[in-house]
Amino acid sequence: DLVTGAGDLGFSFQINLWLWFTVL
């Protein structure tokens, strides 16, 4: 999405960040 510019990048980034925090 970052490459194509599609989607809500801010929301998607935060979800990704907290998913990785869950694993860490």
PDB file of all heavy atoms in Angstrom:
ATOM      1  N   ASP A   1       0.826  -1.209   0.000  1.00  0.00           N
ATOM      2  CA  ASP A   1       0.000   0.000   0.000  1.00  0.00           C
ATOM      3  C   ASP A   1       0.859   1.257   0.000  1.00  0.00           C
ATOM      4  O   ASP A   1       0.480   2.288  -0.576  1.00  0.00           O
ATOM      5  CB  ASP A   1      -0.931   0.013   1.213  1.00  0.00           C
ATOM      6  CG  ASP A   1      -1.997  -1.074   1.145  1.00  0.00           C
ATOM      7  OD1 ASP A   1      -2.199  -1.626   0.043  1.00  0.00           O
ATOM      8  OD2 ASP A   1      -2.603  -1.386   2.195  1.00  0.00           O
ATOM      9  N   LEU A   2       2.007   1.165   0.673  1.00  0.00           N
ATOM     10  CA  LEU A   2       2.918   2.309   0.714  1.00  0.00           C
ATOM     11  C   LEU A   2       3.442   2.622  -0.686  1.00  0.00           C
ATOM     12  O   LEU A   2       3.585   3.796  -1.071  1.00  0.00           O
ATOM     13  CB  LEU A   2       4.082   2.001   1.659  1.00  0.00           C
ATOM     14  CG  LEU A   2       5.059   3.148   1.956  1.00  0.00           C
ATOM     15  CD1 LEU A   2       4.334   4.286   2.685  1.00  0.00           C
ATOM     16  CD2 LEU A   2       6.226   2.648   2.807  1.00  0.00           C
ATOM     17  N   VAL A   3       3.711   1.582  -1.465  1.00  0.00           N
ATOM     18  CA  VAL A   3       4.225   1.754  -2.834  1.00  0.00           C
ATOM     19  C   VAL A   3       3.120   2.263  -3.758  1.00  0.00           C
ATOM     20  O   VAL A   3       3.330   3.168  -4.582  1.00  0.00           O
ATOM     21  CB  VAL A   3       4.809   0.427  -3.360  1.00  0.00           C
ATOM     22  CG1 VAL A   3       5.165   0.549  -4.844  1.00  0.00           C
ATOM     23  CG2 VAL A   3       6.017   0.035  -2.554  1.00  0.00           C
ATOM     24  N   THR A   4       1.905   1.707  -3.594  1.00  0.00           N
ATOM     25  CA  THR A   4       0.810   2.065  -4.496  1.00  0.00           C
ATOM     26  C   THR A   4       0.048   3.302  -4.044  1.00  0.00           C
ATOM     27  O   THR A   4      -0.699   3.897  -4.827  1.00  0.00           O
ATOM     28  CB  THR A   4      -0.184   0.896  -4.613  1.00  0.00           C
ATOM     29  OG1 THR A   4      -0.745   0.614  -3.318  1.00  0.00           O
ATOM     30  CG2 THR A   4       0.516  -0.345  -5.147  1.00  0.00           C
ATOM     31  N   GLY A   5       0.228   3.642  -2.744  1.00  0.00           N
ATOM     32  CA  GLY A   5      -0.496   4.795  -2.220  1.00  0.00           C
ATOM     33  C   GLY A   5      -1.930   4.492  -1.872  1.00  0.00           C
ATOM     34  O   GLY A   5      -2.725   5.405  -1.608  1.00  0.00           O
ATOM     35  N   ALA A   6      -2.297   3.215  -1.822  1.00  0.00           N
ATOM     36  CA  ALA A   6      -3.676   2.822  -1.519  1.00  0.00           C
ATOM     37  C   ALA A   6      -3.867   2.637  -0.019  1.00  0.00           C
ATOM     38  O   ALA A   6      -2.916   2.438   0.732  1.00  0.00           O
ATOM     39  CB  ALA A   6      -4.016   1.520  -2.251  1.00  0.00           C
ATOM     40  N   GLY A   7      -5.135   2.701   0.428  1.00  0.00           N
ATOM     41  CA  GLY A   7      -5.471   2.377   1.803  1.00  0.00           C
ATOM     42  C   GLY A   7      -5.133   3.492   2.784  1.00  0.00           C
ATOM     43  O   GLY A   7      -4.554   4.527   2.439  1.00  0.00           O
ATOM     44  N   ASP A   8      -5.544   3.268   4.041  1.00  0.00           N
ATOM     45  CA  ASP A   8      -5.266   4.205   5.139  1.00  0.00           C
ATOM     46  C   ASP A   8      -3.914   3.822   5.743  1.00  0.00           C
ATOM     47  O   ASP A   8      -3.828   2.964   6.621  1.00  0.00           O
ATOM     48  CB  ASP A   8      -6.382   4.117   6.178  1.00  0.00           C
ATOM     49  CG  ASP A   8      -6.244   5.181   7.268  1.00  0.00           C
ATOM     50  OD1 ASP A   8      -5.145   5.768   7.381  1.00  0.00           O
ATOM     51  OD2 ASP A   8      -7.218   5.387   8.013  1.00  0.00           O
ATOM     52  N   LEU A   9      -2.849   4.457   5.268  1.00  0.00           N
ATOM     53  CA  LEU A   9      -1.503   4.051   5.680  1.00  0.00           C
ATOM     54  C   LEU A   9      -1.248   4.290   7.163  1.00  0.00           C
ATOM     55  O   LEU A   9      -0.582   3.491   7.824  1.00  0.00           O
ATOM     56  CB  LEU A   9      -0.467   4.814   4.838  1.00  0.00           C
ATOM     57  CG  LEU A   9      -0.440   4.484   3.342  1.00  0.00           C
ATOM     58  CD1 LEU A   9       0.592   5.332   2.618  1.00  0.00           C
ATOM     59  CD2 LEU A   9      -0.137   3.005   3.139  1.00  0.00           C
ATOM     60  N   GLY A  10      -1.783   5.373   7.715  1.00  0.00           N
ATOM     61  CA  GLY A  10      -1.561   5.672   9.134  1.00  0.00           C
ATOM     62  C   GLY A  10      -2.161   4.606  10.032  1.00  0.00           C
ATOM     63  O   GLY A  10      -1.520   4.112  10.966  1.00  0.00           O
ATOM     64  N   PHE A  11      -3.405   4.259   9.752  1.00  0.00           N
ATOM     65  CA  PHE A  11      -4.091   3.225  10.541  1.00  0.00           C
ATOM     66  C   PHE A  11      -3.395   1.870  10.376  1.00  0.00           C
ATOM     67  O   PHE A  11      -3.146   1.144  11.341  1.00  0.00           O
ATOM     68  CB  PHE A  11      -5.553   3.135  10.095  1.00  0.00           C
ATOM     69  CG  PHE A  11      -6.339   2.067  10.791  1.00  0.00           C
ATOM     70  CD1 PHE A  11      -6.673   2.189  12.132  1.00  0.00           C
ATOM     71  CD2 PHE A  11      -6.747   0.925  10.100  1.00  0.00           C
ATOM     72  CE1 PHE A  11      -7.412   1.194  12.769  1.00  0.00           C
ATOM     73  CE2 PHE A  11      -7.471  -0.067  10.741  1.00  0.00           C
ATOM     74  CZ  PHE A  11      -7.808   0.063  12.076  1.00  0.00           C
ATOM     75  N   SER A  12      -3.064   1.535   9.127  1.00  0.00           N
ATOM     76  CA  SER A  12      -2.410   0.253   8.843  1.00  0.00           C
ATOM     77  C   SER A  12      -1.053   0.162   9.539  1.00  0.00           C
ATOM     78  O   SER A  12      -0.691  -0.882  10.085  1.00  0.00           O
ATOM     79  CB  SER A  12      -2.243   0.088   7.331  1.00  0.00           C
ATOM     80  OG  SER A  12      -1.613  -1.141   7.038  1.00  0.00           O
ATOM     81  N   PHE A  13      -0.299   1.290   9.527  1.00  0.00           N
ATOM     82  CA  PHE A  13       1.019   1.296  10.179  1.00  0.00           C
ATOM     83  C   PHE A  13       0.893   1.042  11.681  1.00  0.00           C
ATOM     84  O   PHE A  13       1.663   0.265  12.264  1.00  0.00           O
ATOM     85  CB  PHE A  13       1.714   2.637   9.928  1.00  0.00           C
ATOM     86  CG  PHE A  13       2.989   2.794  10.706  1.00  0.00           C
ATOM     87  CD1 PHE A  13       4.157   2.140  10.321  1.00  0.00           C
ATOM     88  CD2 PHE A  13       3.035   3.590  11.855  1.00  0.00           C
ATOM     89  CE1 PHE A  13       5.327   2.271  11.050  1.00  0.00           C
ATOM     90  CE2 PHE A  13       4.196   3.725  12.588  1.00  0.00           C
ATOM     91  CZ  PHE A  13       5.348   3.068  12.184  1.00  0.00           C
ATOM     92  N   GLN A  14      -0.072   1.680  12.324  1.00  0.00           N
ATOM     93  CA  GLN A  14      -0.242   1.515  13.771  1.00  0.00           C
ATOM     94  C   GLN A  14      -0.644   0.081  14.133  1.00  0.00           C
ATOM     95  O   GLN A  14      -0.138  -0.482  15.110  1.00  0.00           O
ATOM     96  CB  GLN A  14      -1.290   2.508  14.282  1.00  0.00           C
ATOM     97  CG  GLN A  14      -0.846   3.961  14.214  1.00  0.00           C
ATOM     98  CD  GLN A  14      -1.909   4.901  14.738  1.00  0.00           C
ATOM     99  OE1 GLN A  14      -2.133   4.973  15.947  1.00  0.00           O
ATOM    100  NE2 GLN A  14      -2.597   5.597  13.831  1.00  0.00           N
ATOM    101  N   ILE A  15      -1.542  -0.510  13.335  1.00  0.00           N
ATOM    102  CA  ILE A  15      -1.936  -1.896  13.598  1.00  0.00           C
ATOM    103  C   ILE A  15      -0.730  -2.816  13.461  1.00  0.00           C
ATOM    104  O   ILE A  15      -0.480  -3.693  14.304  1.00  0.00           O
ATOM    105  CB  ILE A  15      -3.062  -2.341  12.644  1.00  0.00           C
ATOM    106  CG1 ILE A  15      -4.356  -1.561  12.923  1.00  0.00           C
ATOM    107  CG2 ILE A  15      -3.307  -3.846  12.765  1.00  0.00           C
ATOM    108  CD1 ILE A  15      -4.989  -1.876  14.257  1.00  0.00           C
ATOM    109  N   ASN A  16       0.059  -2.610  12.398  1.00  0.00           N
ATOM    110  CA  ASN A  16       1.273  -3.407  12.201  1.00  0.00           C
ATOM    111  C   ASN A  16       2.230  -3.267  13.371  1.00  0.00           C
ATOM    112  O   ASN A  16       2.787  -4.260  13.857  1.00  0.00           O
ATOM    113  CB  ASN A  16       1.986  -2.974  10.911  1.00  0.00           C
ATOM    114  CG  ASN A  16       1.536  -3.773   9.709  1.00  0.00           C
ATOM    115  OD1 ASN A  16       1.891  -4.938   9.563  1.00  0.00           O
ATOM    116  ND2 ASN A  16       0.736  -3.148   8.855  1.00  0.00           N
ATOM    117  N   LEU A  17       2.414  -2.032  13.802  1.00  0.00           N
ATOM    118  CA  LEU A  17       3.352  -1.759  14.895  1.00  0.00           C
ATOM    119  C   LEU A  17       2.956  -2.516  16.159  1.00  0.00           C
ATOM    120  O   LEU A  17       3.786  -3.182  16.795  1.00  0.00           O
ATOM    121  CB  LEU A  17       3.389  -0.245  15.161  1.00  0.00           C
ATOM    122  CG  LEU A  17       4.376   0.226  16.235  1.00  0.00           C
ATOM    123  CD1 LEU A  17       5.808  -0.008  15.785  1.00  0.00           C
ATOM    124  CD2 LEU A  17       4.139   1.707  16.549  1.00  0.00           C
ATOM    125  N   TRP A  18       1.674  -2.467  16.494  1.00  0.00           N
ATOM    126  CA  TRP A  18       1.226  -3.112  17.735  1.00  0.00           C
ATOM    127  C   TRP A  18       1.155  -4.631  17.605  1.00  0.00           C
ATOM    128  O   TRP A  18       1.304  -5.347  18.600  1.00  0.00           O
ATOM    129  CB  TRP A  18      -0.115  -2.535  18.179  1.00  0.00           C
ATOM    130  CG  TRP A  18       0.076  -1.157  18.762  1.00  0.00           C
ATOM    131  CD1 TRP A  18      -0.174   0.037  18.162  1.00  0.00           C
ATOM    132  CD2 TRP A  18       0.633  -0.856  20.044  1.00  0.00           C
ATOM    133  NE1 TRP A  18       0.165   1.073  18.990  1.00  0.00           N
ATOM    134  CE2 TRP A  18       0.667   0.553  20.158  1.00  0.00           C
ATOM    135  CE3 TRP A  18       1.086  -1.630  21.103  1.00  0.00           C
ATOM    136  CZ2 TRP A  18       1.147   1.200  21.290  1.00  0.00           C
ATOM    137  CZ3 TRP A  18       1.567  -0.992  22.244  1.00  0.00           C
ATOM    138  CH2 TRP A  18       1.595   0.403  22.327  1.00  0.00           C
ATOM    139  N   LEU A  19       0.973  -5.126  16.404  1.00  0.00           N
ATOM    140  CA  LEU A  19       1.046  -6.579  16.214  1.00  0.00           C
ATOM    141  C   LEU A  19       2.462  -7.080  16.504  1.00  0.00           C
ATOM    142  O   LEU A  19       2.653  -8.102  17.175  1.00  0.00           O
ATOM    143  CB  LEU A  19       0.637  -6.951  14.785  1.00  0.00           C
ATOM    144  CG  LEU A  19      -0.865  -6.888  14.459  1.00  0.00           C
ATOM    145  CD1 LEU A  19      -1.093  -7.159  12.976  1.00  0.00           C
ATOM    146  CD2 LEU A  19      -1.648  -7.886  15.301  1.00  0.00           C
ATOM    147  N   TRP A  20       3.454  -6.354  15.979  1.00  0.00           N
ATOM    148  CA  TRP A  20       4.836  -6.757  16.251  1.00  0.00           C
ATOM    149  C   TRP A  20       5.180  -6.573  17.721  1.00  0.00           C
ATOM    150  O   TRP A  20       5.923  -7.372  18.296  1.00  0.00           O
ATOM    151  CB  TRP A  20       5.804  -5.961  15.371  1.00  0.00           C
ATOM    152  CG  TRP A  20       5.880  -6.485  13.975  1.00  0.00           C
ATOM    153  CD1 TRP A  20       5.473  -5.877  12.829  1.00  0.00           C
ATOM    154  CD2 TRP A  20       6.383  -7.770  13.587  1.00  0.00           C
ATOM    155  NE1 TRP A  20       5.675  -6.685  11.741  1.00  0.00           N
ATOM    156  CE2 TRP A  20       6.244  -7.858  12.171  1.00  0.00           C
ATOM    157  CE3 TRP A  20       6.928  -8.849  14.270  1.00  0.00           C
ATOM    158  CZ2 TRP A  20       6.645  -8.982  11.452  1.00  0.00           C
ATOM    159  CZ3 TRP A  20       7.321  -9.966  13.550  1.00  0.00           C
ATOM    160  CH2 TRP A  20       7.177 -10.037  12.165  1.00  0.00           C
ATOM    161  N   PHE A  21       4.635  -5.532  18.350  1.00  0.00           N
ATOM    162  CA  PHE A  21       4.854  -5.354  19.793  1.00  0.00           C
ATOM    163  C   PHE A  21       4.286  -6.537  20.574  1.00  0.00           C
ATOM    164  O   PHE A  21       4.868  -6.979  21.568  1.00  0.00           O
ATOM    165  CB  PHE A  21       4.203  -4.053  20.276  1.00  0.00           C
ATOM    166  CG  PHE A  21       5.064  -2.832  20.105  1.00  0.00           C
ATOM    167  CD1 PHE A  21       4.505  -1.571  20.072  1.00  0.00           C
ATOM    168  CD2 PHE A  21       6.440  -2.946  19.984  1.00  0.00           C
ATOM    169  CE1 PHE A  21       5.295  -0.434  19.916  1.00  0.00           C
ATOM    170  CE2 PHE A  21       7.239  -1.822  19.830  1.00  0.00           C
ATOM    171  CZ  PHE A  21       6.667  -0.565  19.788  1.00  0.00           C
ATOM    172  N   THR A  22       3.138  -7.060  20.121  1.00  0.00           N
ATOM    173  CA  THR A  22       2.536  -8.215  20.801  1.00  0.00           C
ATOM    174  C   THR A  22       3.496  -9.400  20.790  1.00  0.00           C
ATOM    175  O   THR A  22       3.703 -10.068  21.812  1.00  0.00           O
ATOM    176  CB  THR A  22       1.218  -8.612  20.115  1.00  0.00           C
ATOM    177  OG1 THR A  22       0.325  -7.509  20.142  1.00  0.00           O
ATOM    178  CG2 THR A  22       0.569  -9.797  20.827  1.00  0.00           C
ATOM    179  N   VAL A  23       4.104  -9.657  19.627  1.00  0.00           N
ATOM    180  CA  VAL A  23       5.064 -10.756  19.522  1.00  0.00           C
ATOM    181  C   VAL A  23       6.296 -10.474  20.382  1.00  0.00           C
ATOM    182  O   VAL A  23       6.778 -11.343  21.117  1.00  0.00           O
ATOM    183  CB  VAL A  23       5.482 -10.978  18.050  1.00  0.00           C
ATOM    184  CG1 VAL A  23       6.513 -12.092  17.951  1.00  0.00           C
ATOM    185  CG2 VAL A  23       4.265 -11.304  17.200  1.00  0.00           C
ATOM    186  N   LEU A  24       6.817  -9.238  20.296  1.00  0.00           N
ATOM    187  CA  LEU A  24       8.030  -8.887  21.048  1.00  0.00           C
ATOM    188  C   LEU A  24       7.792  -8.925  22.553  1.00  0.00           C
ATOM    189  O   LEU A  24       8.655  -9.360  23.323  1.00  0.00           O
ATOM    190  CB  LEU A  24       8.523  -7.504  20.627  1.00  0.00           C
ATOM    191  CG  LEU A  24       9.174  -7.427  19.240  1.00  0.00           C
ATOM    192  CD1 LEU A  24       9.409  -5.975  18.830  1.00  0.00           C
ATOM    193  CD2 LEU A  24      10.497  -8.188  19.239  1.00  0.00           C
TER     194      LEU A  24
END
